[in-house]
């Protein structure tokens, strides 16, 4: 039965048509209530779907936040690793330069070259220790130590 508007029913029905008007009003009310029940059920189903979508969005947001933190940590680790590698390269180049220069020197200058070479070797060991600490932090999955390459 199609829904009927209340305006379709007389405000003051004839006494002879009162029973018939009552039955029509009752049938229209039953039909409206059924339709309302169907709409309520659909609304409830939509509510469940919306709640589920909100939950999934929250999970996605949390996953994306975790990924962003991991990327930020990885970026910081890469920056520190780049600094350590540059320092290793500079120290190695300085050591090679000192060795080349010491091959051309003799006497007192040779002693000074060895002293500088020992300084560079000490620096090399220090940088290697920093690199090892950085690798250990990365392997543990913890936050890389900010003191590894002297960053605050």
Protein backbone atom coordinates (compact mmCIF):
# COMPACT_ATOMS: atom_id res chain seq x y z
CA UNK A 1 0.00 0.00 0.00
CA UNK A 2 1.30 3.42 -0.91
CA UNK A 3 1.76 5.89 1.88
CA UNK A 4 -1.14 8.27 2.23
CA UNK A 5 -1.01 11.79 3.52
CA UNK A 6 -3.11 12.77 6.52
CA UNK A 7 -4.68 15.46 4.33
CA UNK A 8 -6.37 12.71 2.31
CA UNK A 9 -8.58 11.85 5.30
CA UNK A 10 -11.51 14.04 6.28
CA UNK A 11 -11.09 16.01 9.52
CA UNK A 12 -14.75 15.36 10.38
CA UNK A 13 -15.93 12.17 8.63
CA UNK A 14 -19.58 11.43 8.02
CA UNK A 15 -21.04 9.25 10.76
CA UNK A 16 -22.05 6.60 8.15
CA UNK A 17 -18.43 6.48 6.77
CA UNK A 18 -16.80 6.57 10.23
CA UNK A 19 -16.01 2.84 10.36
CA UNK A 20 -14.62 2.83 6.83
CA UNK A 21 -12.56 6.01 7.47
CA UNK A 22 -11.22 4.44 10.68
CA UNK A 23 -10.14 1.29 8.81
CA UNK A 24 -8.45 3.38 6.10
CA UNK A 25 -6.65 5.50 8.72
CA UNK A 26 -5.57 2.39 10.58
CA UNK A 27 -4.30 0.72 7.38
CA UNK A 28 -2.38 3.90 6.47
CA UNK A 29 -0.87 4.01 9.98
CA UNK A 30 0.18 0.35 9.82
CA UNK A 31 1.74 0.94 6.40
CA UNK A 32 3.57 4.04 7.65
CA UNK A 33 4.86 2.16 10.71
CA UNK A 34 6.15 -0.69 8.54
CA UNK A 35 7.90 1.77 6.26
CA UNK A 36 9.35 3.54 9.28
CA UNK A 37 10.62 0.18 10.60
CA UNK A 38 12.28 -0.58 7.26
CA UNK A 39 13.91 2.86 7.22
CA UNK A 40 15.08 2.41 10.83
CA UNK A 41 16.64 -0.96 9.99
CA UNK A 42 18.42 0.57 6.99
CA UNK A 43 19.61 3.45 9.16
CA UNK A 44 20.89 1.01 11.79
CA UNK A 45 22.78 -0.97 9.12
CA UNK A 46 24.30 2.27 7.81
CA UNK A 47 25.28 3.17 11.36
CA UNK A 48 27.09 -0.16 11.75
CA UNK A 49 28.86 0.35 8.44
CA UNK A 50 29.84 3.90 9.39
CA UNK A 51 31.15 2.72 12.77
CA UNK A 52 33.20 0.01 11.05
CA UNK A 53 34.59 2.49 8.53
CA UNK A 54 35.52 4.89 11.34
CA UNK A 55 37.33 2.05 13.15
CA UNK A 56 39.21 1.13 9.98
CA UNK A 57 40.13 4.79 9.42
CA UNK A 58 41.51 5.01 12.94
CA UNK A 59 43.55 1.85 12.38
CA UNK A 60 44.83 3.23 9.08
CA UNK A 61 45.72 6.52 10.75
CA UNK A 62 47.65 4.65 13.46
CA UNK A 63 49.43 2.55 10.83
CA UNK A 64 50.36 5.67 8.85
CA UNK A 65 51.61 7.37 12.01
CA UNK A 66 53.78 4.32 12.78
CA UNK A 67 55.11 4.37 9.24
CA UNK A 68 55.85 8.09 9.47
CA UNK A 69 57.76 7.57 12.73
CA UNK A 70 59.73 4.71 11.17
CA UNK A 71 60.56 6.83 8.12
CA UNK A 72 61.66 9.73 10.32
CA UNK A 73 63.85 7.39 12.36
CA UNK A 74 65.31 5.89 9.20
CA UNK A 75 66.00 9.36 7.79
CA UNK A 76 67.81 10.36 11.01
CA UNK A 77 69.78 7.12 10.93
CA UNK A 78 70.73 7.72 7.28
CA UNK A 79 71.87 11.26 8.07
CA UNK A 80 74.06 10.02 10.92
CA UNK A 81 75.42 7.19 8.80
CA UNK A 82 76.27 9.66 6.03
CA UNK A 83 78.16 11.80 8.54
CA UNK A 84 80.11 8.79 9.81
CA UNK A 85 80.95 7.66 6.27
CA UNK A 86 82.17 11.16 5.31
CA UNK A 87 84.29 11.28 8.44
CA UNK A 88 85.76 7.85 7.66
CA UNK A 89 86.56 8.94 4.11
CA UNK A 90 88.17 12.19 5.27
CA UNK A 91 90.26 10.37 7.88
CA UNK A 92 91.32 7.69 5.40
CA UNK A 93 92.26 10.33 2.81
CA UNK A 94 94.27 12.23 5.44
CA UNK A 95 96.10 9.05 6.44
CA UNK A 96 96.95 8.23 2.83
CA UNK A 97 98.17 11.81 2.31
CA UNK A 98 100.37 11.60 5.38
CA UNK A 99 101.81 8.27 4.30
CA UNK A 100 102.54 9.65 0.82
CA UNK A 101 104.15 12.75 2.32
CA UNK A 102 106.19 10.72 4.83
CA UNK A 103 107.66 8.67 1.96
CA UNK A 104 109.18 11.90 0.61
CA UNK A 105 110.46 13.14 3.98
CA UNK A 106 113.30 12.16 6.26
CA UNK A 107 114.67 13.18 9.66
CA UNK A 108 112.60 15.37 12.00
CA UNK A 109 109.82 15.79 9.49
CA UNK A 110 109.43 12.04 9.38
CA UNK A 111 108.83 11.98 13.14
CA UNK A 112 106.21 14.75 12.77
CA UNK A 113 104.52 12.80 9.96
CA UNK A 114 104.27 9.69 12.15
CA UNK A 115 102.83 11.76 15.01
CA UNK A 116 100.16 13.14 12.66
CA UNK A 117 99.57 9.65 11.26
CA UNK A 118 98.96 8.34 14.77
CA UNK A 119 96.48 11.18 15.37
CA UNK A 120 94.61 10.22 12.21
CA UNK A 121 94.66 6.52 13.15
CA UNK A 122 93.20 7.45 16.55
CA UNK A 123 90.52 9.49 14.80
CA UNK A 124 89.86 6.54 12.45
CA UNK A 125 89.31 4.20 15.43
CA UNK A 126 86.99 6.72 17.06
CA UNK A 127 84.88 7.07 13.93
CA UNK A 128 84.77 3.28 13.52
CA UNK A 129 83.49 3.01 17.10
CA UNK A 130 80.79 5.57 16.28
CA UNK A 131 79.81 3.56 13.20
CA UNK A 132 79.67 0.36 15.25
CA UNK A 133 77.47 2.05 17.87
CA UNK A 134 75.20 3.38 15.11
CA UNK A 135 74.92 -0.11 13.61
CA UNK A 136 74.16 -1.61 17.03
CA UNK A 137 71.39 0.94 17.63
CA UNK A 138 69.92 0.22 14.21
CA UNK A 139 70.06 -3.55 14.79
CA UNK A 140 68.30 -3.21 18.16
CA UNK A 141 65.52 -1.23 16.52
CA UNK A 142 65.80 1.36 19.26
CA UNK A 143 66.29 5.06 18.78
CA UNK A 144 69.74 5.85 17.44
CA UNK A 145 71.88 7.56 20.02
CA UNK A 146 72.19 11.26 19.29
CA UNK A 147 75.73 11.28 20.67
CA UNK A 148 77.06 8.96 17.97
CA UNK A 149 78.08 11.74 15.64
CA UNK A 150 77.89 14.61 18.05
CA UNK A 151 74.38 15.74 17.15
CA UNK A 152 72.18 17.16 19.92
